[in-house]
């Protein structure tokens, strides 16, 4: 039986990340995205002008 070493590597990486070794946020549960006004969410561009 041929053993694929990639399977063992994937399992090892999954266990490593599950243990909390791949944490990006230091404040779990907090959203750090701040809203800002851009032309993509401008209301005057999305409303139809009155005839």
PDB file of N, CA and C in Angstrom:
ATOM      1  N   UNK A   1       0.842  -1.184   0.000  1.00  0.00           N
ATOM      2  CA  UNK A   1       0.000   0.000   0.000  1.00  0.00           C
ATOM      3  C   UNK A   1       0.889   1.250   0.000  1.00  0.00           C
ATOM      4  N   UNK A   2       0.617   2.163  -0.914  1.00  0.00           N
ATOM      5  CA  UNK A   2       1.405   3.379  -1.033  1.00  0.00           C
ATOM      6  C   UNK A   2       0.804   4.452  -0.126  1.00  0.00           C
ATOM      7  N   UNK A   3       1.623   5.083   0.669  1.00  0.00           N
ATOM      8  CA  UNK A   3       1.172   6.100   1.614  1.00  0.00           C
ATOM      9  C   UNK A   3       1.489   7.474   1.028  1.00  0.00           C
ATOM     10  N   UNK A   4       0.460   8.338   0.991  1.00  0.00           N
ATOM     11  CA  UNK A   4       0.653   9.703   0.507  1.00  0.00           C
ATOM     12  C   UNK A   4       1.005  10.591   1.695  1.00  0.00           C
ATOM     13  N   UNK A   5       2.199  11.151   1.674  1.00  0.00           N
ATOM     14  CA  UNK A   5       2.662  11.975   2.789  1.00  0.00           C
ATOM     15  C   UNK A   5       1.931  13.314   2.867  1.00  0.00           C
ATOM     16  N   UNK A   6       1.270  13.724   1.787  1.00  0.00           N
ATOM     17  CA  UNK A   6       0.507  14.974   1.808  1.00  0.00           C
ATOM     18  C   UNK A   6      -0.683  14.888   2.750  1.00  0.00           C
ATOM     19  N   UNK A   7      -1.241  13.704   2.895  1.00  0.00           N
ATOM     20  CA  UNK A   7      -2.376  13.518   3.816  1.00  0.00           C
ATOM     21  C   UNK A   7      -1.916  13.766   5.249  1.00  0.00           C
ATOM     22  N   UNK A   8      -0.757  13.218   5.607  1.00  0.00           N
ATOM     23  CA  UNK A   8      -0.234  13.431   6.964  1.00  0.00           C
ATOM     24  C   UNK A   8       0.117  14.897   7.198  1.00  0.00           C
ATOM     25  N   UNK A   9       0.623  15.565   6.180  1.00  0.00           N
ATOM     26  CA  UNK A   9       0.951  16.981   6.311  1.00  0.00           C
ATOM     27  C   UNK A   9      -0.316  17.811   6.502  1.00  0.00           C
ATOM     28  N   UNK A  10      -1.389  17.477   5.780  1.00  0.00           N
ATOM     29  CA  UNK A  10      -2.648  18.213   5.918  1.00  0.00           C
ATOM     30  C   UNK A  10      -3.248  18.009   7.302  1.00  0.00           C
ATOM     31  N   UNK A  11      -3.190  16.805   7.813  1.00  0.00           N
ATOM     32  CA  UNK A  11      -3.713  16.531   9.164  1.00  0.00           C
ATOM     33  C   UNK A  11      -2.888  17.274  10.207  1.00  0.00           C
ATOM     34  N   UNK A  12      -1.572  17.279  10.050  1.00  0.00           N
ATOM     35  CA  UNK A  12      -0.706  17.977  11.001  1.00  0.00           C
ATOM     36  C   UNK A  12      -0.980  19.471  10.998  1.00  0.00           C
ATOM     37  N   UNK A  13      -1.159  20.074   9.819  1.00  0.00           N
ATOM     38  CA  UNK A  13      -1.454  21.509   9.745  1.00  0.00           C
ATOM     39  C   UNK A  13      -2.826  21.831  10.334  1.00  0.00           C
ATOM     40  N   UNK A  14      -3.809  20.957  10.111  1.00  0.00           N
ATOM     41  CA  UNK A  14      -5.138  21.176  10.687  1.00  0.00           C
ATOM     42  C   UNK A  14      -5.087  21.132  12.208  1.00  0.00           C
ATOM     43  N   UNK A  15      -4.358  20.189  12.757  1.00  0.00           N
ATOM     44  CA  UNK A  15      -4.221  20.116  14.216  1.00  0.00           C
ATOM     45  C   UNK A  15      -3.453  21.313  14.766  1.00  0.00           C
ATOM     46  N   UNK A  16      -2.451  21.760  14.053  1.00  0.00           N
ATOM     47  CA  UNK A  16      -1.662  22.922  14.468  1.00  0.00           C
ATOM     48  C   UNK A  16      -2.533  24.171  14.529  1.00  0.00           C
ATOM     49  N   UNK A  17      -3.353  24.381  13.496  1.00  0.00           N
ATOM     50  CA  UNK A  17      -4.229  25.551  13.478  1.00  0.00           C
ATOM     51  C   UNK A  17      -5.365  25.424  14.476  1.00  0.00           C
ATOM     52  N   UNK A  18      -5.855  24.210  14.705  1.00  0.00           N
ATOM     53  CA  UNK A  18      -6.938  23.990  15.666  1.00  0.00           C
ATOM     54  C   UNK A  18      -6.487  24.327  17.084  1.00  0.00           C
ATOM     55  N   UNK A  19      -5.227  24.129  17.377  1.00  0.00           N
ATOM     56  CA  UNK A  19      -4.709  24.421  18.714  1.00  0.00           C
ATOM     57  C   UNK A  19      -4.506  25.909  18.954  1.00  0.00           C
ATOM     58  N   UNK A  20      -4.799  26.753  17.962  1.00  0.00           N
ATOM     59  CA  UNK A  20      -4.716  28.190  18.146  1.00  0.00           C
ATOM     60  C   UNK A  20      -3.400  28.792  17.729  1.00  0.00           C
ATOM     61  N   UNK A  21      -2.641  28.099  16.929  1.00  0.00           N
ATOM     62  CA  UNK A  21      -1.341  28.611  16.516  1.00  0.00           C
ATOM     63  C   UNK A  21      -1.406  29.497  15.283  1.00  0.00           C
ATOM     64  N   UNK A  22      -2.585  29.697  14.738  1.00  0.00           N
ATOM     65  CA  UNK A  22      -2.734  30.536  13.547  1.00  0.00           C
ATOM     66  C   UNK A  22      -3.749  31.635  13.841  1.00  0.00           C
ATOM     67  N   UNK A  23      -3.496  32.407  14.885  1.00  0.00           N
ATOM     68  CA  UNK A  23      -4.436  33.432  15.323  1.00  0.00           C
ATOM     69  C   UNK A  23      -4.047  34.768  14.696  1.00  0.00           C
ATOM     70  N   UNK A  24      -5.007  35.411  14.048  1.00  0.00           N
ATOM     71  CA  UNK A  24      -4.750  36.706  13.432  1.00  0.00           C
ATOM     72  C   UNK A  24      -5.231  37.855  14.310  1.00  0.00           C
ATOM     73  N   UNK A  25      -6.301  37.645  15.044  1.00  0.00           N
ATOM     74  CA  UNK A  25      -6.862  38.701  15.885  1.00  0.00           C
ATOM     75  C   UNK A  25      -6.464  38.477  17.332  1.00  0.00           C
ATOM     76  N   UNK A  26      -6.047  39.546  17.979  1.00  0.00           N
ATOM     77  CA  UNK A  26      -5.712  39.450  19.396  1.00  0.00           C
ATOM     78  C   UNK A  26      -6.939  39.686  20.263  1.00  0.00           C
ATOM     79  N   UNK A  27      -8.037  40.189  19.667  1.00  0.00           N
ATOM     80  CA  UNK A  27      -9.274  40.447  20.393  1.00  0.00           C
ATOM     81  C   UNK A  27     -10.381  39.612  19.765  1.00  0.00           C
ATOM     82  N   UNK A  28     -10.576  38.383  20.209  1.00  0.00           N
ATOM     83  CA  UNK A  28     -11.622  37.563  19.610  1.00  0.00           C
ATOM     84  C   UNK A  28     -13.004  38.136  19.928  1.00  0.00           C
ATOM     85  N   UNK A  29     -13.876  38.126  18.944  1.00  0.00           N
ATOM     86  CA  UNK A  29     -15.223  38.609  19.151  1.00  0.00           C
ATOM     87  C   UNK A  29     -15.423  40.070  18.808  1.00  0.00           C
ATOM     88  N   UNK A  30     -14.368  40.804  18.454  1.00  0.00           N
ATOM     89  CA  UNK A  30     -14.477  42.210  18.114  1.00  0.00           C
ATOM     90  C   UNK A  30     -14.258  42.398  16.620  1.00  0.00           C
ATOM     91  N   UNK A  31     -15.112  43.190  16.010  1.00  0.00           N
ATOM     92  CA  UNK A  31     -14.953  43.516  14.603  1.00  0.00           C
ATOM     93  C   UNK A  31     -14.158  44.814  14.513  1.00  0.00           C
ATOM     94  N   UNK A  32     -13.095  44.796  13.728  1.00  0.00           N
ATOM     95  CA  UNK A  32     -12.214  45.956  13.667  1.00  0.00           C
ATOM     96  C   UNK A  32     -12.364  46.740  12.370  1.00  0.00           C
ATOM     97  N   UNK A  33     -13.390  46.439  11.597  1.00  0.00           N
ATOM     98  CA  UNK A  33     -13.611  47.144  10.341  1.00  0.00           C
ATOM     99  C   UNK A  33     -14.365  48.437  10.636  1.00  0.00           C
ATOM    100  N   UNK A  34     -13.855  49.559  10.163  1.00  0.00           N
ATOM    101  CA  UNK A  34     -14.503  50.849  10.357  1.00  0.00           C
ATOM    102  C   UNK A  34     -15.185  51.258   9.052  1.00  0.00           C
ATOM    103  N   UNK A  35     -16.462  51.635   9.101  1.00  0.00           N
ATOM    104  CA  UNK A  35     -17.127  52.063   7.867  1.00  0.00           C
ATOM    105  C   UNK A  35     -16.614  53.428   7.421  1.00  0.00           C
ATOM    106  N   UNK A  36     -16.545  53.608   6.131  1.00  0.00           N
ATOM    107  CA  UNK A  36     -16.141  54.906   5.598  1.00  0.00           C
ATOM    108  C   UNK A  36     -16.932  55.167   4.323  1.00  0.00           C
ATOM    109  N   UNK A  37     -17.144  56.415   4.043  1.00  0.00           N
ATOM    110  CA  UNK A  37     -17.925  56.807   2.879  1.00  0.00           C
ATOM    111  C   UNK A  37     -17.053  56.751   1.624  1.00  0.00           C
ATOM    112  N   UNK A  38     -17.574  56.097   0.606  1.00  0.00           N
ATOM    113  CA  UNK A  38     -16.918  56.039  -0.687  1.00  0.00           C
ATOM    114  C   UNK A  38     -17.971  56.285  -1.763  1.00  0.00           C
ATOM    115  N   UNK A  39     -17.543  56.353  -2.985  1.00  0.00           N
ATOM    116  CA  UNK A  39     -18.494  56.529  -4.078  1.00  0.00           C
ATOM    117  C   UNK A  39     -19.323  55.268  -4.324  1.00  0.00           C
ATOM    118  N   UNK A  40     -18.867  54.122  -3.821  1.00  0.00           N
ATOM    119  CA  UNK A  40     -19.616  52.877  -3.996  1.00  0.00           C
ATOM    120  C   UNK A  40     -20.899  52.881  -3.177  1.00  0.00           C
ATOM    121  N   UNK A  41     -20.924  53.544  -2.036  1.00  0.00           N
ATOM    122  CA  UNK A  41     -22.126  53.557  -1.204  1.00  0.00           C
ATOM    123  C   UNK A  41     -22.766  54.945  -1.131  1.00  0.00           C
ATOM    124  N   UNK A  42     -22.524  55.795  -2.126  1.00  0.00           N
ATOM    125  CA  UNK A  42     -23.120  57.126  -2.164  1.00  0.00           C
ATOM    126  C   UNK A  42     -24.589  57.020  -2.550  1.00  0.00           C
ATOM    127  N   UNK A  43     -25.470  57.566  -1.714  1.00  0.00           N
ATOM    128  CA  UNK A  43     -26.903  57.467  -1.964  1.00  0.00           C
ATOM    129  C   UNK A  43     -27.342  58.292  -3.162  1.00  0.00           C
ATOM    130  N   UNK A  44     -26.696  59.418  -3.411  1.00  0.00           N
ATOM    131  CA  UNK A  44     -27.140  60.248  -4.523  1.00  0.00           C
ATOM    132  C   UNK A  44     -26.877  59.574  -5.869  1.00  0.00           C
ATOM    133  N   UNK A  45     -25.974  58.614  -5.911  1.00  0.00           N
ATOM    134  CA  UNK A  45     -25.744  57.887  -7.150  1.00  0.00           C
ATOM    135  C   UNK A  45     -26.705  56.713  -7.320  1.00  0.00           C
ATOM    136  N   UNK A  46     -27.252  56.203  -6.228  1.00  0.00           N
ATOM    137  CA  UNK A  46     -28.123  55.039  -6.326  1.00  0.00           C
ATOM    138  C   UNK A  46     -29.606  55.406  -6.474  1.00  0.00           C
ATOM    139  N   UNK A  47     -29.969  56.646  -6.220  1.00  0.00           N
ATOM    140  CA  UNK A  47     -31.351  57.065  -6.334  1.00  0.00           C
ATOM    141  C   UNK A  47     -31.641  57.572  -7.746  1.00  0.00           C
ATOM    142  N   UNK A  48     -32.836  57.278  -8.222  1.00  0.00           N
ATOM    143  CA  UNK A  48     -33.237  57.742  -9.551  1.00  0.00           C
ATOM    144  C   UNK A  48     -33.726  59.190  -9.451  1.00  0.00           C
ATOM    145  N   UNK A  49     -33.301  60.004 -10.372  1.00  0.00           N
ATOM    146  CA  UNK A  49     -33.716  61.421 -10.370  1.00  0.00           C
ATOM    147  C   UNK A  49     -35.189  61.528 -10.760  1.00  0.00           C
ATOM    148  N   UNK A  50     -35.870  62.508 -10.177  1.00  0.00           N
ATOM    149  CA  UNK A  50     -37.275  62.738 -10.538  1.00  0.00           C
ATOM    150  C   UNK A  50     -37.375  63.355 -11.921  1.00  0.00           C
ATOM    151  N   UNK A  51     -38.329  62.896 -12.715  1.00  0.00           N
ATOM    152  CA  UNK A  51     -38.491  63.488 -14.066  1.00  0.00           C
ATOM    153  C   UNK A  51     -39.108  64.869 -14.002  1.00  0.00           C
TER     154      UNK A  51
END
